[in-house]
PDB file of N, CA and C in Angstrom:
ATOM      1  N   MET A   1      -3.407   6.088  14.070  1.00  0.00           N
ATOM      2  CA  MET A   1      -2.090   6.646  13.904  1.00  0.00           C
ATOM      3  C   MET A   1      -1.276   5.789  12.933  1.00  0.00           C
ATOM      4  N   THR A   2      -1.394   4.479  13.071  1.00  0.00           N
ATOM      5  CA  THR A   2      -0.630   3.591  12.193  1.00  0.00           C
ATOM      6  C   THR A   2      -1.031   3.804  10.740  1.00  0.00           C
ATOM      7  N   ALA A   3      -2.318   3.918  10.482  1.00  0.00           N
ATOM      8  CA  ALA A   3      -2.779   4.142   9.111  1.00  0.00           C
ATOM      9  C   ALA A   3      -2.291   5.494   8.596  1.00  0.00           C
ATOM     10  N   ALA A   4      -2.271   6.505   9.438  1.00  0.00           N
ATOM     11  CA  ALA A   4      -1.769   7.819   9.025  1.00  0.00           C
ATOM     12  C   ALA A   4      -0.291   7.745   8.675  1.00  0.00           C
ATOM     13  N   LEU A   5       0.476   7.030   9.478  1.00  0.00           N
ATOM     14  CA  LEU A   5       1.911   6.879   9.210  1.00  0.00           C
ATOM     15  C   LEU A   5       2.146   6.136   7.900  1.00  0.00           C
ATOM     16  N   VAL A   6       1.456   5.014   7.744  1.00  0.00           N
ATOM     17  CA  VAL A   6       1.621   4.224   6.516  1.00  0.00           C
ATOM     18  C   VAL A   6       1.144   5.034   5.314  1.00  0.00           C
ATOM     19  N   GLY A   7       0.060   5.759   5.458  1.00  0.00           N
ATOM     20  CA  GLY A   7      -0.441   6.575   4.359  1.00  0.00           C
ATOM     21  C   GLY A   7       0.548   7.650   3.942  1.00  0.00           C
ATOM     22  N   ARG A   8       1.130   8.334   4.907  1.00  0.00           N
ATOM     23  CA  ARG A   8       2.123   9.367   4.591  1.00  0.00           C
ATOM     24  C   ARG A   8       3.311   8.752   3.865  1.00  0.00           C
ATOM     25  N   CYS A   9       3.773   7.616   4.361  1.00  0.00           N
ATOM     26  CA  CYS A   9       4.922   6.945   3.749  1.00  0.00           C
ATOM     27  C   CYS A   9       4.579   6.423   2.357  1.00  0.00           C
ATOM     28  N   ALA A  10       3.367   5.943   2.197  1.00  0.00           N
ATOM     29  CA  ALA A  10       2.930   5.457   0.887  1.00  0.00           C
ATOM     30  C   ALA A  10       2.915   6.594  -0.123  1.00  0.00           C
ATOM     31  N   PHE A  11       2.398   7.749   0.282  1.00  0.00           N
ATOM     32  CA  PHE A  11       2.331   8.878  -0.635  1.00  0.00           C
ATOM     33  C   PHE A  11       3.729   9.335  -1.042  1.00  0.00           C
ATOM     34  N   GLN A  12       4.673   9.290  -0.099  1.00  0.00           N
ATOM     35  CA  GLN A  12       6.058   9.658  -0.423  1.00  0.00           C
ATOM     36  C   GLN A  12       6.637   8.711  -1.471  1.00  0.00           C
ATOM     37  N   GLN A  13       6.278   7.448  -1.392  1.00  0.00           N
ATOM     38  CA  GLN A  13       6.765   6.472  -2.372  1.00  0.00           C
ATOM     39  C   GLN A  13       6.112   6.655  -3.730  1.00  0.00           C
ATOM     40  N   SER A  14       4.787   6.785  -3.711  1.00  0.00           N
ATOM     41  CA  SER A  14       4.050   6.827  -4.969  1.00  0.00           C
ATOM     42  C   SER A  14       2.641   7.359  -4.727  1.00  0.00           C
ATOM     43  N   PRO A  15       2.320   8.542  -5.255  1.00  0.00           N
ATOM     44  CA  PRO A  15       0.951   9.030  -5.099  1.00  0.00           C
ATOM     45  C   PRO A  15      -0.091   8.038  -5.641  1.00  0.00           C
ATOM     46  N   ASP A  16       0.202   7.395  -6.770  1.00  0.00           N
ATOM     47  CA  ASP A  16      -0.735   6.404  -7.303  1.00  0.00           C
ATOM     48  C   ASP A  16      -0.883   5.225  -6.348  1.00  0.00           C
ATOM     49  N   GLY A  17       0.246   4.765  -5.807  1.00  0.00           N
ATOM     50  CA  GLY A  17       0.216   3.670  -4.840  1.00  0.00           C
ATOM     51  C   GLY A  17      -0.560   4.049  -3.592  1.00  0.00           C
ATOM     52  N   PHE A  18      -0.417   5.309  -3.161  1.00  0.00           N
ATOM     53  CA  PHE A  18      -1.165   5.783  -2.000  1.00  0.00           C
ATOM     54  C   PHE A  18      -2.658   5.630  -2.229  1.00  0.00           C
ATOM     55  N   TRP A  19      -3.153   6.061  -3.406  1.00  0.00           N
ATOM     56  CA  TRP A  19      -4.597   5.999  -3.648  1.00  0.00           C
ATOM     57  C   TRP A  19      -5.088   4.563  -3.753  1.00  0.00           C
ATOM     58  N   LYS A  20      -4.265   3.677  -4.284  1.00  0.00           N
ATOM     59  CA  LYS A  20      -4.627   2.258  -4.294  1.00  0.00           C
ATOM     60  C   LYS A  20      -4.705   1.729  -2.864  1.00  0.00           C
ATOM     61  N   LEU A  21      -3.722   2.106  -2.045  1.00  0.00           N
ATOM     62  CA  LEU A  21      -3.728   1.705  -0.643  1.00  0.00           C
ATOM     63  C   LEU A  21      -4.943   2.291   0.067  1.00  0.00           C
ATOM     64  N   HIS A  22      -5.213   3.553  -0.156  1.00  0.00           N
ATOM     65  CA  HIS A  22      -6.375   4.227   0.438  1.00  0.00           C
ATOM     66  C   HIS A  22      -7.649   3.421   0.200  1.00  0.00           C
ATOM     67  N   ASP A  23      -7.880   3.056  -1.064  1.00  0.00           N
ATOM     68  CA  ASP A  23      -9.078   2.297  -1.402  1.00  0.00           C
ATOM     69  C   ASP A  23      -9.064   0.922  -0.742  1.00  0.00           C
ATOM     70  N   ALA A  24      -7.900   0.276  -0.708  1.00  0.00           N
ATOM     71  CA  ALA A  24      -7.791  -1.052  -0.098  1.00  0.00           C
ATOM     72  C   ALA A  24      -8.062  -0.999   1.400  1.00  0.00           C
ATOM     73  N   ILE A  25      -7.632   0.076   2.055  1.00  0.00           N
ATOM     74  CA  ILE A  25      -7.897   0.219   3.495  1.00  0.00           C
ATOM     75  C   ILE A  25      -9.399   0.283   3.737  1.00  0.00           C
ATOM     76  N   TYR A  26     -10.104   1.097   2.957  1.00  0.00           N
ATOM     77  CA  TYR A  26     -11.553   1.188   3.145  1.00  0.00           C
ATOM     78  C   TYR A  26     -12.252  -0.117   2.807  1.00  0.00           C
ATOM     79  N   ASP A  27     -11.738  -0.828   1.816  1.00  0.00           N
ATOM     80  CA  ASP A  27     -12.342  -2.109   1.433  1.00  0.00           C
ATOM     81  C   ASP A  27     -12.063  -3.221   2.442  1.00  0.00           C
ATOM     82  N   ASN A  28     -11.049  -3.051   3.284  1.00  0.00           N
ATOM     83  CA  ASN A  28     -10.622  -4.106   4.209  1.00  0.00           C
ATOM     84  C   ASN A  28     -10.649  -3.667   5.667  1.00  0.00           C
ATOM     85  N   GLN A  29     -11.451  -2.679   5.992  1.00  0.00           N
ATOM     86  CA  GLN A  29     -11.472  -2.146   7.356  1.00  0.00           C
ATOM     87  C   GLN A  29     -11.675  -3.226   8.418  1.00  0.00           C
ATOM     88  N   GLU A  30     -12.558  -4.160   8.133  1.00  0.00           N
ATOM     89  CA  GLU A  30     -12.873  -5.189   9.139  1.00  0.00           C
ATOM     90  C   GLU A  30     -11.691  -6.132   9.387  1.00  0.00           C
ATOM     91  N   LYS A  31     -10.723  -6.159   8.494  1.00  0.00           N
ATOM     92  CA  LYS A  31      -9.563  -7.042   8.650  1.00  0.00           C
ATOM     93  C   LYS A  31      -8.386  -6.356   9.326  1.00  0.00           C
ATOM     94  N   ILE A  32      -8.498  -5.063   9.609  1.00  0.00           N
ATOM     95  CA  ILE A  32      -7.413  -4.309  10.233  1.00  0.00           C
ATOM     96  C   ILE A  32      -7.726  -4.172  11.715  1.00  0.00           C
ATOM     97  N   THR A  33      -6.898  -4.806  12.537  1.00  0.00           N
ATOM     98  CA  THR A  33      -7.093  -4.769  13.983  1.00  0.00           C
ATOM     99  C   THR A  33      -5.946  -3.995  14.625  1.00  0.00           C
ATOM    100  N   PRO A  34      -6.155  -3.458  15.812  1.00  0.00           N
ATOM    101  CA  PRO A  34      -5.070  -2.719  16.471  1.00  0.00           C
ATOM    102  C   PRO A  34      -3.782  -3.548  16.611  1.00  0.00           C
ATOM    103  N   ASP A  35      -3.934  -4.823  16.950  1.00  0.00           N
ATOM    104  CA  ASP A  35      -2.740  -5.657  17.151  1.00  0.00           C
ATOM    105  C   ASP A  35      -1.978  -5.939  15.866  1.00  0.00           C
ATOM    106  N   GLY A  36      -2.681  -6.061  14.752  1.00  0.00           N
ATOM    107  CA  GLY A  36      -2.026  -6.418  13.504  1.00  0.00           C
ATOM    108  C   GLY A  36      -2.047  -5.326  12.459  1.00  0.00           C
ATOM    109  N   ALA A  37      -2.317  -4.088  12.882  1.00  0.00           N
ATOM    110  CA  ALA A  37      -2.518  -2.999  11.922  1.00  0.00           C
ATOM    111  C   ALA A  37      -1.312  -2.787  11.015  1.00  0.00           C
ATOM    112  N   LEU A  38      -0.135  -2.678  11.580  1.00  0.00           N
ATOM    113  CA  LEU A  38       1.028  -2.377  10.750  1.00  0.00           C
ATOM    114  C   LEU A  38       1.252  -3.463   9.711  1.00  0.00           C
ATOM    115  N   ASP A  39       1.229  -4.717  10.131  1.00  0.00           N
ATOM    116  CA  ASP A  39       1.457  -5.805   9.178  1.00  0.00           C
ATOM    117  C   ASP A  39       0.395  -5.820   8.080  1.00  0.00           C
ATOM    118  N   LYS A  40      -0.875  -5.632   8.455  1.00  0.00           N
ATOM    119  CA  LYS A  40      -1.941  -5.655   7.461  1.00  0.00           C
ATOM    120  C   LYS A  40      -1.834  -4.462   6.520  1.00  0.00           C
ATOM    121  N   LEU A  41      -1.524  -3.294   7.049  1.00  0.00           N
ATOM    122  CA  LEU A  41      -1.408  -2.107   6.210  1.00  0.00           C
ATOM    123  C   LEU A  41      -0.225  -2.214   5.253  1.00  0.00           C
ATOM    124  N   VAL A  42       0.878  -2.768   5.728  1.00  0.00           N
ATOM    125  CA  VAL A  42       2.029  -2.965   4.849  1.00  0.00           C
ATOM    126  C   VAL A  42       1.694  -3.991   3.772  1.00  0.00           C
ATOM    127  N   GLN A  43       0.968  -5.038   4.140  1.00  0.00           N
ATOM    128  CA  GLN A  43       0.547  -6.030   3.146  1.00  0.00           C
ATOM    129  C   GLN A  43      -0.326  -5.373   2.076  1.00  0.00           C
ATOM    130  N   LEU A  44      -1.273  -4.556   2.511  1.00  0.00           N
ATOM    131  CA  LEU A  44      -2.130  -3.852   1.556  1.00  0.00           C
ATOM    132  C   LEU A  44      -1.303  -2.909   0.685  1.00  0.00           C
ATOM    133  N   GLY A  45      -0.305  -2.288   1.285  1.00  0.00           N
ATOM    134  CA  GLY A  45       0.588  -1.422   0.525  1.00  0.00           C
ATOM    135  C   GLY A  45       1.374  -2.196  -0.518  1.00  0.00           C
ATOM    136  N   THR A  46       1.863  -3.364  -0.132  1.00  0.00           N
ATOM    137  CA  THR A  46       2.581  -4.222  -1.079  1.00  0.00           C
ATOM    138  C   THR A  46       1.657  -4.624  -2.225  1.00  0.00           C
ATOM    139  N   ASP A  47       0.429  -4.990  -1.883  1.00  0.00           N
ATOM    140  CA  ASP A  47      -0.552  -5.339  -2.914  1.00  0.00           C
ATOM    141  C   ASP A  47      -0.828  -4.158  -3.847  1.00  0.00           C
ATOM    142  N   ALA A  48      -0.642  -2.940  -3.329  1.00  0.00           N
ATOM    143  CA  ALA A  48      -0.868  -1.728  -4.128  1.00  0.00           C
ATOM    144  C   ALA A  48       0.385  -1.328  -4.912  1.00  0.00           C
ATOM    145  N   GLY A  49       1.429  -2.156  -4.822  1.00  0.00           N
ATOM    146  CA  GLY A  49       2.640  -1.894  -5.590  1.00  0.00           C
ATOM    147  C   GLY A  49       3.712  -1.122  -4.857  1.00  0.00           C
ATOM    148  N   LEU A  50       3.563  -0.969  -3.549  1.00  0.00           N
ATOM    149  CA  LEU A  50       4.548  -0.230  -2.759  1.00  0.00           C
ATOM    150  C   LEU A  50       5.621  -1.169  -2.222  1.00  0.00           C
ATOM    151  N   ASP A  51       6.767  -0.601  -1.886  1.00  0.00           N
ATOM    152  CA  ASP A  51       7.906  -1.351  -1.365  1.00  0.00           C
ATOM    153  C   ASP A  51       7.758  -1.507   0.150  1.00  0.00           C
ATOM    154  N   ALA A  52       7.540  -2.738   0.617  1.00  0.00           N
ATOM    155  CA  ALA A  52       7.280  -2.998   2.034  1.00  0.00           C
ATOM    156  C   ALA A  52       8.437  -2.571   2.941  1.00  0.00           C
ATOM    157  N   PRO A  53       9.694  -2.933   2.640  1.00  0.00           N
ATOM    158  CA  PRO A  53      10.786  -2.490   3.524  1.00  0.00           C
ATOM    159  C   PRO A  53      10.882  -0.964   3.630  1.00  0.00           C
ATOM    160  N   LYS A  54      10.664  -0.270   2.530  1.00  0.00           N
ATOM    161  CA  LYS A  54      10.697   1.194   2.575  1.00  0.00           C
ATOM    162  C   LYS A  54       9.551   1.737   3.429  1.00  0.00           C
ATOM    163  N   LEU A  55       8.373   1.122   3.321  1.00  0.00           N
ATOM    164  CA  LEU A  55       7.246   1.547   4.157  1.00  0.00           C
ATOM    165  C   LEU A  55       7.585   1.382   5.633  1.00  0.00           C
ATOM    166  N   ARG A  56       8.097   0.221   5.989  1.00  0.00           N
ATOM    167  CA  ARG A  56       8.423  -0.044   7.401  1.00  0.00           C
ATOM    168  C   ARG A  56       9.497   0.905   7.926  1.00  0.00           C
ATOM    169  N   THR A  57      10.508   1.179   7.115  1.00  0.00           N
ATOM    170  CA  THR A  57      11.568   2.092   7.535  1.00  0.00           C
ATOM    171  C   THR A  57      11.009   3.494   7.741  1.00  0.00           C
ATOM    172  N   CYS A  58      10.183   3.928   6.817  1.00  0.00           N
ATOM    173  CA  CYS A  58       9.576   5.254   6.909  1.00  0.00           C
ATOM    174  C   CYS A  58       8.661   5.364   8.129  1.00  0.00           C
ATOM    175  N   VAL A  59       7.846   4.353   8.359  1.00  0.00           N
ATOM    176  CA  VAL A  59       6.924   4.361   9.503  1.00  0.00           C
ATOM    177  C   VAL A  59       7.695   4.426  10.823  1.00  0.00           C
ATOM    178  N   ALA A  60       8.838   3.757  10.893  1.00  0.00           N
ATOM    179  CA  ALA A  60       9.640   3.728  12.125  1.00  0.00           C
ATOM    180  C   ALA A  60      10.427   5.018  12.350  1.00  0.00           C
ATOM    181  N   ASP A  61      10.514   5.874  11.349  1.00  0.00           N
ATOM    182  CA  ASP A  61      11.283   7.114  11.450  1.00  0.00           C
ATOM    183  C   ASP A  61      10.540   8.116  12.336  1.00  0.00           C
ATOM    184  N   PRO A  62      11.175   8.606  13.397  1.00  0.00           N
ATOM    185  CA  PRO A  62      10.513   9.589  14.270  1.00  0.00           C
ATOM    186  C   PRO A  62      10.065  10.854  13.536  1.00  0.00           C
ATOM    187  N   GLN A  63      10.741  11.201  12.451  1.00  0.00           N
ATOM    188  CA  GLN A  63      10.325  12.379  11.683  1.00  0.00           C
ATOM    189  C   GLN A  63       8.947  12.178  11.062  1.00  0.00           C
ATOM    190  N   THR A  64       8.652  10.952  10.660  1.00  0.00           N
ATOM    191  CA  THR A  64       7.330  10.664  10.093  1.00  0.00           C
ATOM    192  C   THR A  64       6.260  10.875  11.151  1.00  0.00           C
ATOM    193  N   THR A  65       6.503  10.377  12.345  1.00  0.00           N
ATOM    194  CA  THR A  65       5.550  10.565  13.449  1.00  0.00           C
ATOM    195  C   THR A  65       5.364  12.048  13.733  1.00  0.00           C
ATOM    196  N   GLU A  66       6.441  12.798  13.739  1.00  0.00           N
ATOM    197  CA  GLU A  66       6.354  14.236  13.997  1.00  0.00           C
ATOM    198  C   GLU A  66       5.525  14.938  12.917  1.00  0.00           C
ATOM    199  N   LEU A  67       5.715  14.569  11.659  1.00  0.00           N
ATOM    200  CA  LEU A  67       4.936  15.174  10.579  1.00  0.00           C
ATOM    201  C   LEU A  67       3.445  14.862  10.713  1.00  0.00           C
ATOM    202  N   VAL A  68       3.127  13.625  11.084  1.00  0.00           N
ATOM    203  CA  VAL A  68       1.718  13.256  11.269  1.00  0.00           C
ATOM    204  C   VAL A  68       1.127  14.018  12.450  1.00  0.00           C
ATOM    205  N   ARG A  69       1.877  14.127  13.532  1.00  0.00           N
ATOM    206  CA  ARG A  69       1.382  14.865  14.707  1.00  0.00           C
ATOM    207  C   ARG A  69       1.153  16.344  14.368  1.00  0.00           C
ATOM    208  N   LYS A  70       2.058  16.937  13.593  1.00  0.00           N
ATOM    209  CA  LYS A  70       1.880  18.338  13.180  1.00  0.00           C
ATOM    210  C   LYS A  70       0.631  18.489  12.325  1.00  0.00           C
ATOM    211  N   SER A  71       0.408  17.550  11.428  1.00  0.00           N
ATOM    212  CA  SER A  71      -0.776  17.594  10.578  1.00  0.00           C
ATOM    213  C   SER A  71      -2.045  17.479  11.425  1.00  0.00           C
ATOM    214  N   MET A  72      -2.014  16.593  12.406  1.00  0.00           N
ATOM    215  CA  MET A  72      -3.169  16.441  13.288  1.00  0.00           C
ATOM    216  C   MET A  72      -3.422  17.721  14.085  1.00  0.00           C
ATOM    217  N   ALA A  73      -2.359  18.339  14.582  1.00  0.00           N
ATOM    218  CA  ALA A  73      -2.498  19.579  15.345  1.00  0.00           C
ATOM    219  C   ALA A  73      -3.060  20.699  14.477  1.00  0.00           C
ATOM    220  N   GLU A  74      -2.631  20.752  13.230  1.00  0.00           N
ATOM    221  CA  GLU A  74      -3.160  21.758  12.314  1.00  0.00           C
ATOM    222  C   GLU A  74      -4.657  21.554  12.107  1.00  0.00           C
ATOM    223  N   GLY A  75      -5.060  20.301  11.969  1.00  0.00           N
ATOM    224  CA  GLY A  75      -6.483  20.014  11.823  1.00  0.00           C
ATOM    225  C   GLY A  75      -7.280  20.459  13.035  1.00  0.00           C
ATOM    226  N   VAL A  76      -6.766  20.170  14.222  1.00  0.00           N
ATOM    227  CA  VAL A  76      -7.443  20.590  15.456  1.00  0.00           C
ATOM    228  C   VAL A  76      -7.543  22.110  15.503  1.00  0.00           C
ATOM    229  N   ASN A  77      -6.468  22.791  15.103  1.00  0.00           N
ATOM    230  CA  ASN A  77      -6.459  24.255  15.144  1.00  0.00           C
ATOM    231  C   ASN A  77      -7.494  24.885  14.224  1.00  0.00           C
ATOM    232  N   VAL A  78      -7.838  24.217  13.136  1.00  0.00           N
ATOM    233  CA  VAL A  78      -8.841  24.784  12.228  1.00  0.00           C
ATOM    234  C   VAL A  78     -10.228  24.196  12.455  1.00  0.00           C
ATOM    235  N   GLY A  79     -10.360  23.346  13.471  1.00  0.00           N
ATOM    236  CA  GLY A  79     -11.683  22.861  13.847  1.00  0.00           C
ATOM    237  C   GLY A  79     -12.069  21.496  13.327  1.00  0.00           C
ATOM    238  N   VAL A  80     -11.128  20.731  12.822  1.00  0.00           N
ATOM    239  CA  VAL A  80     -11.454  19.386  12.365  1.00  0.00           C
ATOM    240  C   VAL A  80     -11.718  18.508  13.586  1.00  0.00           C
ATOM    241  N   GLU A  81     -12.883  17.890  13.604  1.00  0.00           N
ATOM    242  CA  GLU A  81     -13.244  16.998  14.695  1.00  0.00           C
ATOM    243  C   GLU A  81     -13.441  15.567  14.219  1.00  0.00           C
ATOM    244  N   GLY A  82     -13.401  15.352  12.925  1.00  0.00           N
ATOM    245  CA  GLY A  82     -13.572  14.017  12.369  1.00  0.00           C
ATOM    246  C   GLY A  82     -13.267  14.050  10.886  1.00  0.00           C
ATOM    247  N   THR A  83     -13.230  12.878  10.303  1.00  0.00           N
ATOM    248  CA  THR A  83     -12.970  12.798   8.870  1.00  0.00           C
ATOM    249  C   THR A  83     -14.140  12.097   8.194  1.00  0.00           C
ATOM    250  N   PRO A  84     -14.443  12.497   6.997  1.00  0.00           N
ATOM    251  CA  PRO A  84     -13.842  13.626   6.304  1.00  0.00           C
ATOM    252  C   PRO A  84     -14.416  14.952   6.796  1.00  0.00           C
ATOM    253  N   THR A  85     -13.606  15.978   6.752  1.00  0.00           N
ATOM    254  CA  THR A  85     -14.041  17.351   6.987  1.00  0.00           C
ATOM    255  C   THR A  85     -13.588  18.154   5.781  1.00  0.00           C
ATOM    256  N   THR A  86     -14.512  18.909   5.204  1.00  0.00           N
ATOM    257  CA  THR A  86     -14.214  19.696   4.014  1.00  0.00           C
ATOM    258  C   THR A  86     -14.524  21.155   4.300  1.00  0.00           C
ATOM    259  N   PHE A  87     -13.637  22.032   3.860  1.00  0.00           N
ATOM    260  CA  PHE A  87     -13.840  23.462   4.009  1.00  0.00           C
ATOM    261  C   PHE A  87     -14.059  24.054   2.619  1.00  0.00           C
ATOM    262  N   VAL A  88     -15.199  24.732   2.442  1.00  0.00           N
ATOM    263  CA  VAL A  88     -15.527  25.330   1.155  1.00  0.00           C
ATOM    264  C   VAL A  88     -16.058  26.740   1.402  1.00  0.00           C
ATOM    265  N   ASN A  89     -15.356  27.727   0.876  1.00  0.00           N
ATOM    266  CA  ASN A  89     -15.822  29.114   0.970  1.00  0.00           C
ATOM    267  C   ASN A  89     -16.231  29.508   2.387  1.00  0.00           C
ATOM    268  N   GLY A  90     -15.410  29.157   3.347  1.00  0.00           N
ATOM    269  CA  GLY A  90     -15.674  29.525   4.730  1.00  0.00           C
ATOM    270  C   GLY A  90     -16.672  28.643   5.460  1.00  0.00           C
ATOM    271  N   ARG A  91     -17.188  27.642   4.791  1.00  0.00           N
ATOM    272  CA  ARG A  91     -18.131  26.714   5.428  1.00  0.00           C
ATOM    273  C   ARG A  91     -17.427  25.408   5.722  1.00  0.00           C
ATOM    274  N   THR A  92     -17.817  24.788   6.812  1.00  0.00           N
ATOM    275  CA  THR A  92     -17.248  23.507   7.210  1.00  0.00           C
ATOM    276  C   THR A  92     -18.302  22.428   7.040  1.00  0.00           C
ATOM    277  N   VAL A  93     -17.925  21.358   6.347  1.00  0.00           N
ATOM    278  CA  VAL A  93     -18.822  20.222   6.158  1.00  0.00           C
ATOM    279  C   VAL A  93     -18.141  19.013   6.793  1.00  0.00           C
ATOM    280  N   VAL A  94     -18.782  18.475   7.829  1.00  0.00           N
ATOM    281  CA  VAL A  94     -18.236  17.309   8.518  1.00  0.00           C
ATOM    282  C   VAL A  94     -18.977  16.077   8.042  1.00  0.00           C
ATOM    283  N   GLY A  95     -18.216  15.082   7.655  1.00  0.00           N
ATOM    284  CA  GLY A  95     -18.813  13.832   7.203  1.00  0.00           C
ATOM    285  C   GLY A  95     -18.969  13.806   5.693  1.00  0.00           C
ATOM    286  N   PRO A  96     -19.312  12.639   5.187  1.00  0.00           N
ATOM    287  CA  PRO A  96     -19.477  12.488   3.734  1.00  0.00           C
ATOM    288  C   PRO A  96     -20.861  12.954   3.305  1.00  0.00           C
ATOM    289  N   ASN A  97     -21.003  14.255   3.112  1.00  0.00           N
ATOM    290  CA  ASN A  97     -22.305  14.830   2.791  1.00  0.00           C
ATOM    291  C   ASN A  97     -22.278  15.387   1.368  1.00  0.00           C
ATOM    292  N   GLN A  98     -22.343  14.498   0.399  1.00  0.00           N
ATOM    293  CA  GLN A  98     -22.252  14.895  -1.002  1.00  0.00           C
ATOM    294  C   GLN A  98     -23.341  15.881  -1.410  1.00  0.00           C
ATOM    295  N   PRO A  99     -24.611  15.685  -1.026  1.00  0.00           N
ATOM    296  CA  PRO A  99     -25.637  16.654  -1.439  1.00  0.00           C
ATOM    297  C   PRO A  99     -25.332  18.072  -0.940  1.00  0.00           C
ATOM    298  N   LEU A 100     -24.879  18.192   0.298  1.00  0.00           N
ATOM    299  CA  LEU A 100     -24.565  19.516   0.834  1.00  0.00           C
ATOM    300  C   LEU A 100     -23.373  20.116   0.093  1.00  0.00           C
ATOM    301  N   LEU A 101     -22.353  19.322  -0.139  1.00  0.00           N
ATOM    302  CA  LEU A 101     -21.184  19.825  -0.876  1.00  0.00           C
ATOM    303  C   LEU A 101     -21.579  20.277  -2.275  1.00  0.00           C
ATOM    304  N   GLN A 102     -22.435  19.523  -2.922  1.00  0.00           N
ATOM    305  CA  GLN A 102     -22.879  19.919  -4.262  1.00  0.00           C
ATOM    306  C   GLN A 102     -23.640  21.236  -4.228  1.00  0.00           C
ATOM    307  N   ARG A 103     -24.492  21.417  -3.227  1.00  0.00           N
ATOM    308  CA  ARG A 103     -25.232  22.681  -3.106  1.00  0.00           C
ATOM    309  C   ARG A 103     -24.266  23.837  -2.884  1.00  0.00           C
ATOM    310  N   ILE A 104     -23.273  23.633  -2.013  1.00  0.00           N
ATOM    311  CA  ILE A 104     -22.318  24.708  -1.728  1.00  0.00           C
ATOM    312  C   ILE A 104     -21.508  25.039  -2.988  1.00  0.00           C
ATOM    313  N   LEU A 105     -21.080  24.024  -3.697  1.00  0.00           N
ATOM    314  CA  LEU A 105     -20.242  24.247  -4.868  1.00  0.00           C
ATOM    315  C   LEU A 105     -21.000  24.837  -6.051  1.00  0.00           C
ATOM    316  N   HIS A 106     -22.248  24.459  -6.208  1.00  0.00           N
ATOM    317  CA  HIS A 106     -23.024  24.922  -7.353  1.00  0.00           C
ATOM    318  C   HIS A 106     -23.841  26.173  -7.060  1.00  0.00           C
ATOM    319  N   TYR A 107     -24.158  26.404  -5.803  1.00  0.00           N
ATOM    320  CA  TYR A 107     -24.979  27.551  -5.426  1.00  0.00           C
ATOM    321  C   TYR A 107     -24.348  28.261  -4.232  1.00  0.00           C
ATOM    322  N   PRO A 108     -23.192  28.911  -4.439  1.00  0.00           N
ATOM    323  CA  PRO A 108     -22.539  29.579  -3.301  1.00  0.00           C
ATOM    324  C   PRO A 108     -23.388  30.722  -2.767  1.00  0.00           C
ATOM    325  N   ASN A 109     -23.192  30.999  -1.487  1.00  0.00           N
ATOM    326  CA  ASN A 109     -23.947  32.107  -0.843  1.00  0.00           C
ATOM    327  C   ASN A 109     -23.494  33.434  -1.394  1.00  0.00           C
TER     328      ASN A 109
END
C-alpha cells in the first residue's frame, strides 16, 4: 500500500520521476522493509528527482488513500489477482510472460 501511495504521488509530481522511482523500487526491493518503507520510498523518490515534502504530504492525504483503494477495487472487479496482469483482446495474462504477450500481439485469434 505504501508503494502504491508513493507511486501515485510521484506520478502526480512528474511522470518521468515516477518511472525513475519505479525502476529504483525494483532495483532496491531487498532494502524496502515494512517498518521503513515510507522513508526508503521517499528517499528513492528524492534520488529520482522528486520533492520529498510534497511526496509525504500527498501520501498522508486521505484522498490519495481513497484513490488507491478505488484503483485496487477496480482491479479486483476485472479479475486482477496479481501484478503484472495484462489484458489484450479479451485475454488475461498474469505475470511477466513476454513470449505469450508477443504471440497474442503478433498472432491474434
